[in-house]
Amino acid sequence: MLRSDHGIHAVLVDQGAISFRPCSMPLMTFMEDQGCIRDSSVLGCQYNYLSWDEAFHLLGCALDYSSLTGEILMGSLITGDQQNRSPLWFSLPQMESRMKRRRIINIIVNKCFESHMQPIVNILEETIGYEFLLRPSLSKDHFRPSDLFDVARETGLQSQLDQAARLTAIETSARHLPRGIKRFINFLPSSIENPNQCLNQTFAAMEKMSLDPRDFVFEVVETERITHMSHLKSIFKVCRNMGISMALDDVGSGYSTLEEMNALRPDYIKIDRSLVNGCSRNLFKQEQIKLIIQQAYAFGGKVLAEGVEQREDFEFCLNSGVVLAQGYLFGRPCRPAE
């Protein structure tokens, strides 16, 4: 929907058609006439103003870029994968961002990525599991995973990308790992509005592939401060009820704090690489690592050291109570052999 101070108050893109709402027509009447559902989240969005010329220019760019025609929605650039579903409404900033980030948007919509696996070892350096990390597909456009998720957040595609990455990891694990090997998979809690509904496809994929949910560990990866702890706890509860273990990533750095660790009580606590790297020679890092381990053990959490590159750091972590480790010392993320 696009609003204007020159008469056009809305633009609806659906099934290849463009509809304009005149200023004299109430918004709800326009939505009903166009077959839109009454969605309070739509009416609650904030939209920018633009003129007739700007509206035509913006939509013209989208039509020119899109290779799709009238039988389906206006193109993946604006709508994502929304065939045979309700029309989508985007704020102007989201639409503009999709225009500017065409290459990255194509990667997200066309799923030009795959899962690479990095080993996780125990105190005997035996591989007990793998973390699944998003990487470009072979012969596809290169990208940095952080860029992919940044663009997805800007353009309203975060939930779609998060779910696609999760399903890709599950499918990869089904092809390459036997039962009993742990599969650590990242997820963004802000992309899961209703865990009972949003995770249904994830649970269905595990069941379809005859996978044991107890082999899975879902890692909370969040680039924004967690403001709704009750919501995150509800996600933990839904996953644990299915038999899936939960992990808190990057503890000791960024937004993963000791306070959040104690509130969530995850099954696995992953100490951030910034603390692990060089910890054998840094007293401050040693104190922080010991504090994390002490508090994690108080509620029965297993502590994993991330980003281990030096054996001296690994040995200090082991002597301090870490039971699992991950890093270049044991193996880099790599594409599983077919």
Protein backbone atom coordinates (compact mmCIF):
# COMPACT_ATOMS: atom_id res chain seq x y z
CA MET A 1 0.00 0.00 0.00
CA LEU A 2 1.28 3.45 -0.93
CA ARG A 3 -0.22 6.65 0.34
CA SER A 4 -0.10 10.01 -1.38
CA ASP A 5 -0.96 13.57 -0.56
CA HIS A 6 -2.09 14.04 -4.19
CA GLY A 7 -5.15 11.81 -4.28
CA ILE A 8 -3.80 8.26 -4.46
CA HIS A 9 -3.99 6.66 -1.07
CA ALA A 10 -3.25 3.04 -1.92
CA VAL A 11 -1.75 0.78 -4.52
CA LEU A 12 -2.55 -2.93 -4.41
CA VAL A 13 -0.48 -5.36 -6.46
CA ASP A 14 -2.20 -8.71 -6.92
CA GLN A 15 -2.30 -11.27 -9.74
CA GLY A 16 -0.35 -8.92 -11.98
CA ALA A 17 -2.94 -6.11 -11.68
CA ILE A 18 -2.37 -2.70 -10.15
CA SER A 19 -5.28 -1.07 -8.34
CA PHE A 20 -5.38 2.51 -7.10
CA ARG A 21 -7.69 3.70 -4.35
CA PRO A 22 -9.10 7.21 -4.85
CA CYS A 23 -9.01 9.50 -1.86
CA SER A 24 -12.83 9.48 -1.66
CA MET A 25 -13.01 5.71 -1.03
CA PRO A 26 -12.54 4.47 2.56
CA LEU A 27 -9.60 2.14 3.00
CA MET A 28 -11.69 -0.77 4.27
CA THR A 29 -14.09 -0.48 1.33
CA PHE A 30 -11.14 -0.59 -1.06
CA MET A 31 -9.70 -3.63 0.68
CA GLU A 32 -13.04 -5.45 0.57
CA ASP A 33 -13.56 -4.59 -3.11
CA GLN A 34 -10.13 -6.00 -3.92
CA GLY A 35 -10.71 -9.19 -1.95
CA CYS A 36 -8.23 -8.35 0.80
CA ILE A 37 -8.55 -9.80 4.25
CA ARG A 38 -9.18 -7.53 7.19
CA ASP A 39 -5.83 -7.58 8.94
CA SER A 40 -5.15 -5.19 11.78
CA SER A 41 -1.40 -5.60 11.19
CA VAL A 42 -1.89 -4.09 7.74
CA LEU A 43 -3.71 -1.06 9.05
CA GLY A 44 -1.15 -0.60 11.81
CA CYS A 45 1.83 -0.14 9.47
CA GLN A 46 3.37 3.24 8.83
CA TYR A 47 3.63 4.31 5.19
CA ASN A 48 5.43 7.13 3.43
CA TYR A 49 3.90 9.60 1.00
CA LEU A 50 4.65 9.72 -2.72
CA SER A 51 3.26 11.40 -5.80
CA TRP A 52 1.58 9.87 -8.88
CA ASP A 53 4.86 10.04 -10.80
CA GLU A 54 6.79 8.41 -7.98
CA ALA A 55 4.21 5.63 -7.67
CA PHE A 56 4.32 4.83 -11.38
CA HIS A 57 8.12 5.01 -11.40
CA LEU A 58 8.44 2.64 -8.45
CA LEU A 59 5.98 0.11 -9.83
CA GLY A 60 7.43 0.49 -13.33
CA CYS A 61 10.87 -0.45 -12.03
CA ALA A 62 9.41 -3.55 -10.42
CA LEU A 63 7.55 -4.62 -13.56
CA ASP A 64 10.61 -4.01 -15.70
CA TYR A 65 12.77 -6.10 -13.38
CA SER A 66 10.35 -8.96 -12.87
CA SER A 67 10.28 -11.79 -15.38
CA LEU A 68 6.86 -12.88 -14.13
CA THR A 69 3.58 -11.98 -15.80
CA GLY A 70 -0.11 -11.53 -15.07
CA GLU A 71 -0.99 -15.08 -14.02
CA ILE A 72 1.04 -14.85 -10.83
CA LEU A 73 1.93 -12.14 -8.38
CA MET A 74 3.93 -9.23 -9.62
CA GLY A 75 7.31 -10.83 -9.07
CA SER A 76 9.57 -12.16 -6.38
CA LEU A 77 11.14 -8.74 -5.93
CA ILE A 78 7.99 -7.29 -4.39
CA THR A 79 5.96 -10.25 -3.22
CA GLY A 80 8.29 -13.13 -2.51
CA ASP A 81 6.80 -16.57 -2.99
CA GLN A 82 3.11 -15.70 -2.55
CA GLN A 83 1.30 -17.52 -5.35
CA ASN A 84 -2.30 -18.53 -4.57
CA ARG A 85 -2.23 -16.61 -1.31
CA SER A 86 -3.64 -13.34 -0.03
CA PRO A 87 -2.23 -10.10 -1.48
CA LEU A 88 0.81 -8.67 0.28
CA TRP A 89 1.05 -5.09 1.49
CA PHE A 90 4.46 -3.47 1.96
CA SER A 91 5.58 -0.14 3.28
CA LEU A 92 7.40 2.09 0.82
CA PRO A 93 10.80 1.64 2.55
CA GLN A 94 10.49 -2.13 2.20
CA MET A 95 9.57 -1.86 -1.50
CA GLU A 96 12.42 0.55 -2.16
CA SER A 97 14.86 -1.73 -0.36
CA ARG A 98 13.77 -4.65 -2.52
CA MET A 99 14.46 -2.59 -5.64
CA LYS A 100 17.96 -1.66 -4.48
CA ARG A 101 18.93 -5.15 -3.29
CA ARG A 102 17.83 -7.14 -6.33
CA ARG A 103 20.76 -9.56 -6.31
CA ILE A 104 20.41 -10.45 -2.63
CA ILE A 105 16.61 -10.66 -2.91
CA ASN A 106 16.96 -13.13 -5.77
CA ILE A 107 19.27 -15.28 -3.63
CA ILE A 108 16.71 -15.34 -0.82
CA VAL A 109 13.63 -15.97 -2.98
CA ASN A 110 15.30 -18.56 -5.23
CA LYS A 111 17.05 -20.22 -2.27
CA CYS A 112 20.51 -20.04 -3.82
CA PHE A 113 22.15 -21.35 -0.67
CA GLU A 114 23.02 -24.59 1.07
CA SER A 115 24.14 -25.81 4.48
CA HIS A 116 27.78 -26.39 5.34
CA MET A 117 28.75 -28.41 8.41
CA GLN A 118 31.32 -27.63 11.11
CA PRO A 119 32.23 -30.36 13.61
CA ILE A 120 31.60 -30.11 17.34
CA VAL A 121 33.83 -32.25 19.56
CA ASN A 122 33.81 -33.50 23.14
CA ILE A 123 36.68 -33.47 25.65
CA LEU A 124 38.24 -36.46 23.87
CA GLU A 125 38.05 -34.56 20.56
CA GLU A 126 35.48 -37.01 19.23
CA THR A 127 32.89 -35.52 16.87
CA ILE A 128 29.51 -35.62 18.57
CA GLY A 129 27.67 -33.26 16.23
CA TYR A 130 27.79 -30.48 13.65
CA GLU A 131 26.61 -26.92 13.37
CA PHE A 132 24.84 -26.14 10.10
CA LEU A 133 25.85 -22.82 8.55
CA LEU A 134 24.31 -21.05 5.56
CA ARG A 135 26.64 -20.68 2.56
CA PRO A 136 26.27 -19.92 -1.19
CA SER A 137 25.33 -22.83 -3.44
CA LEU A 138 27.90 -24.05 -5.90
CA SER A 139 28.09 -21.92 -9.07
CA LYS A 140 25.76 -19.33 -7.50
CA ASP A 141 26.27 -15.72 -6.45
CA HIS A 142 28.61 -15.22 -3.54
CA PHE A 143 27.24 -13.58 -0.40
CA ARG A 144 28.06 -13.07 3.24
CA PRO A 145 25.43 -14.74 5.46
CA SER A 146 25.20 -11.60 7.60
CA ASP A 147 24.36 -9.53 4.50
CA LEU A 148 21.64 -11.99 3.55
CA PHE A 149 19.90 -11.69 6.92
CA ASP A 150 20.37 -7.91 7.05
CA VAL A 151 18.62 -7.50 3.69
CA ALA A 152 15.92 -9.98 4.70
CA ARG A 153 15.22 -7.90 7.80
CA GLU A 154 15.06 -4.66 5.79
CA THR A 155 12.70 -6.09 3.18
CA GLY A 156 10.30 -8.12 5.29
CA LEU A 157 11.73 -11.50 4.22
CA GLN A 158 13.36 -12.47 7.52
CA SER A 159 10.81 -15.14 8.44
CA GLN A 160 10.93 -16.64 4.96
CA LEU A 161 14.75 -16.81 4.97
CA ASP A 162 14.97 -18.14 8.52
CA GLN A 163 12.55 -20.97 7.77
CA ALA A 164 14.19 -21.81 4.44
CA ALA A 165 17.63 -21.96 6.09
CA ARG A 166 16.28 -24.17 8.86
CA LEU A 167 14.65 -26.60 6.42
CA THR A 168 17.80 -26.69 4.28
CA ALA A 169 19.82 -27.68 7.35
CA ILE A 170 17.34 -30.39 8.31
CA GLU A 171 17.33 -31.85 4.80
CA THR A 172 21.15 -31.78 4.67
CA SER A 173 21.40 -33.56 8.02
CA ALA A 174 18.99 -36.25 6.82
CA ARG A 175 21.22 -37.01 3.83
CA HIS A 176 24.56 -37.03 5.60
CA LEU A 177 24.27 -37.88 9.30
CA PRO A 178 23.27 -41.05 11.12
CA ARG A 179 21.00 -41.07 14.13
CA GLY A 180 22.62 -40.07 17.38
CA ILE A 181 24.72 -37.26 15.92
CA LYS A 182 23.68 -33.81 17.16
CA ARG A 183 22.57 -31.20 14.60
CA PHE A 184 22.96 -27.59 15.80
CA ILE A 185 20.72 -25.29 13.75
CA ASN A 186 20.42 -21.51 14.13
CA PHE A 187 17.12 -19.68 14.34
CA LEU A 188 16.03 -16.09 14.80
CA PRO A 189 13.35 -15.84 17.51
CA SER A 190 12.13 -12.52 16.08
CA SER A 191 11.09 -14.38 12.91
CA ILE A 192 8.78 -16.72 14.83
CA GLU A 193 5.61 -14.86 15.78
CA ASN A 194 3.56 -17.88 16.86
CA PRO A 195 5.78 -20.88 17.65
CA ASN A 196 2.91 -23.39 17.49
CA GLN A 197 2.18 -22.34 13.90
CA CYS A 198 5.51 -21.10 12.58
CA LEU A 199 7.42 -24.24 13.55
CA ASN A 200 4.85 -26.71 12.20
CA GLN A 201 6.67 -26.99 8.87
CA THR A 202 9.95 -27.61 10.69
CA PHE A 203 8.47 -30.39 12.80
CA ALA A 204 6.69 -31.87 9.78
CA ALA A 205 9.98 -32.01 7.85
CA MET A 206 11.62 -33.97 10.68
CA GLU A 207 8.72 -36.42 10.77
CA LYS A 208 8.64 -36.83 6.99
CA MET A 209 12.35 -37.69 6.93
CA SER A 210 12.03 -40.05 9.93
CA LEU A 211 14.44 -37.94 11.98
CA ASP A 212 14.66 -38.04 15.76
CA PRO A 213 13.94 -34.56 17.23
CA ARG A 214 16.24 -35.45 20.14
CA ASP A 215 19.18 -35.24 17.73
CA PHE A 216 18.45 -31.54 17.11
CA VAL A 217 19.65 -28.47 18.97
CA PHE A 218 18.13 -25.12 18.00
CA GLU A 219 20.46 -22.19 18.63
CA VAL A 220 19.10 -18.77 19.50
CA VAL A 221 20.96 -16.30 17.27
CA GLU A 222 19.74 -12.75 17.75
CA THR A 223 21.23 -9.52 16.45
CA GLU A 224 18.71 -7.43 18.35
CA ARG A 225 18.25 -7.23 22.09
CA ILE A 226 15.68 -9.70 23.37
CA THR A 227 12.83 -7.56 24.66
CA HIS A 228 10.10 -10.20 24.98
CA MET A 229 11.57 -12.91 27.18
CA SER A 230 8.17 -14.56 27.65
CA HIS A 231 7.88 -15.01 23.87
CA LEU A 232 11.31 -16.63 23.68
CA LYS A 233 10.45 -18.89 26.59
CA SER A 234 7.33 -20.01 24.73
CA ILE A 235 9.49 -20.97 21.74
CA PHE A 236 11.76 -22.96 24.07
CA LYS A 237 8.73 -24.74 25.53
CA VAL A 238 7.26 -25.69 22.15
CA CYS A 239 10.61 -27.04 20.89
CA ARG A 240 11.40 -28.91 24.10
CA ASN A 241 7.95 -30.51 24.05
CA MET A 242 8.96 -31.98 20.68
CA GLY A 243 12.20 -33.31 22.17
CA ILE A 244 14.46 -30.65 20.66
CA SER A 245 17.24 -29.20 22.85
CA MET A 246 17.90 -25.46 22.97
CA ALA A 247 21.15 -23.50 22.89
CA LEU A 248 22.07 -19.88 23.48
CA ASP A 249 24.72 -18.65 21.05
CA ASP A 250 27.48 -16.05 21.52
CA VAL A 251 27.20 -15.90 25.30
CA GLY A 252 29.51 -13.26 26.72
CA SER A 253 29.25 -10.94 23.72
CA GLY A 254 26.64 -8.76 22.06
CA TYR A 255 23.08 -9.38 23.20
CA SER A 256 23.59 -12.84 24.73
CA THR A 257 24.19 -11.96 28.38
CA LEU A 258 24.44 -13.91 31.61
CA GLU A 259 21.08 -12.47 32.63
CA GLU A 260 19.40 -13.91 29.54
CA MET A 261 21.25 -17.21 29.97
CA ASN A 262 19.92 -17.60 33.51
CA ALA A 263 16.41 -16.56 32.49
CA LEU A 264 16.23 -19.03 29.59
CA ARG A 265 18.30 -21.88 31.08
CA PRO A 266 19.26 -23.40 27.72
CA ASP A 267 20.50 -26.96 27.42
CA TYR A 268 23.69 -25.76 25.71
CA ILE A 269 25.60 -22.53 26.29
CA LYS A 270 28.01 -21.47 23.54
CA ILE A 271 30.75 -19.12 24.76
CA ASP A 272 31.45 -16.44 22.17
CA ARG A 273 34.67 -16.72 20.16
CA SER A 274 35.76 -13.26 21.30
CA LEU A 275 36.23 -14.64 24.81
CA VAL A 276 37.72 -17.97 23.73
CA ASN A 277 40.34 -16.58 21.35
CA GLY A 278 43.51 -15.97 23.36
CA CYS A 279 41.89 -16.89 26.69
CA SER A 280 44.97 -18.90 27.79
CA ARG A 281 46.90 -15.61 28.00
CA ASN A 282 44.18 -13.22 29.17
CA LEU A 283 43.10 -13.11 32.82
CA PHE A 284 39.94 -11.10 32.13
CA LYS A 285 38.73 -13.62 29.55
CA GLN A 286 39.54 -16.46 31.91
CA GLU A 287 37.43 -14.91 34.66
CA GLN A 288 34.51 -14.38 32.26
CA ILE A 289 34.67 -17.95 30.98
CA LYS A 290 34.77 -19.37 34.50
CA LEU A 291 31.79 -17.23 35.51
CA ILE A 292 29.74 -18.46 32.55
CA ILE A 293 30.61 -22.08 33.31
CA GLN A 294 29.81 -21.69 37.00
CA GLN A 295 26.38 -20.20 36.35
CA ALA A 296 25.57 -22.63 33.53
CA TYR A 297 26.39 -25.63 35.68
CA ALA A 298 24.05 -24.29 38.38
CA PHE A 299 21.05 -25.12 36.15
CA GLY A 300 22.58 -28.12 34.37
CA GLY A 301 23.65 -26.46 31.11
CA LYS A 302 26.42 -27.91 28.95
CA VAL A 303 29.05 -25.36 27.96
CA LEU A 304 30.59 -25.25 24.49
CA ALA A 305 33.58 -23.08 23.51
CA GLU A 306 33.23 -21.51 20.05
CA GLY A 307 35.97 -20.32 17.73
CA VAL A 308 38.74 -22.50 19.16
CA GLU A 309 41.87 -22.09 17.05
CA GLN A 310 44.74 -22.58 19.51
CA ARG A 311 45.30 -25.74 21.52
CA GLU A 312 46.33 -23.71 24.56
CA ASP A 313 42.90 -22.04 24.58
CA PHE A 314 41.19 -25.41 24.21
CA GLU A 315 43.15 -26.83 27.15
CA PHE A 316 42.29 -23.87 29.37
CA CYS A 317 38.59 -24.26 28.52
CA LEU A 318 38.70 -27.98 29.25
CA ASN A 319 40.40 -27.43 32.61
CA SER A 320 37.76 -24.83 33.46
CA GLY A 321 34.82 -27.16 32.81
CA VAL A 322 33.91 -26.79 29.14
CA VAL A 323 32.64 -30.12 27.76
CA LEU A 324 32.29 -29.31 24.04
CA ALA A 325 34.25 -27.25 21.54
CA GLN A 326 34.02 -25.96 18.00
CA GLY A 327 36.48 -24.10 15.79
CA TYR A 328 39.16 -24.27 13.14
CA LEU A 329 41.34 -26.39 15.44
CA PHE A 330 38.92 -29.25 14.81
CA GLY A 331 37.61 -28.40 11.35
CA ARG A 332 36.28 -25.59 9.19
CA PRO A 333 32.72 -25.41 7.90
CA CYS A 334 32.58 -27.40 4.69
CA ARG A 335 30.13 -28.69 2.16
CA PRO A 336 29.23 -32.31 2.97
CA ALA A 337 30.51 -34.84 0.47
CA GLU A 338 27.80 -36.39 -1.68
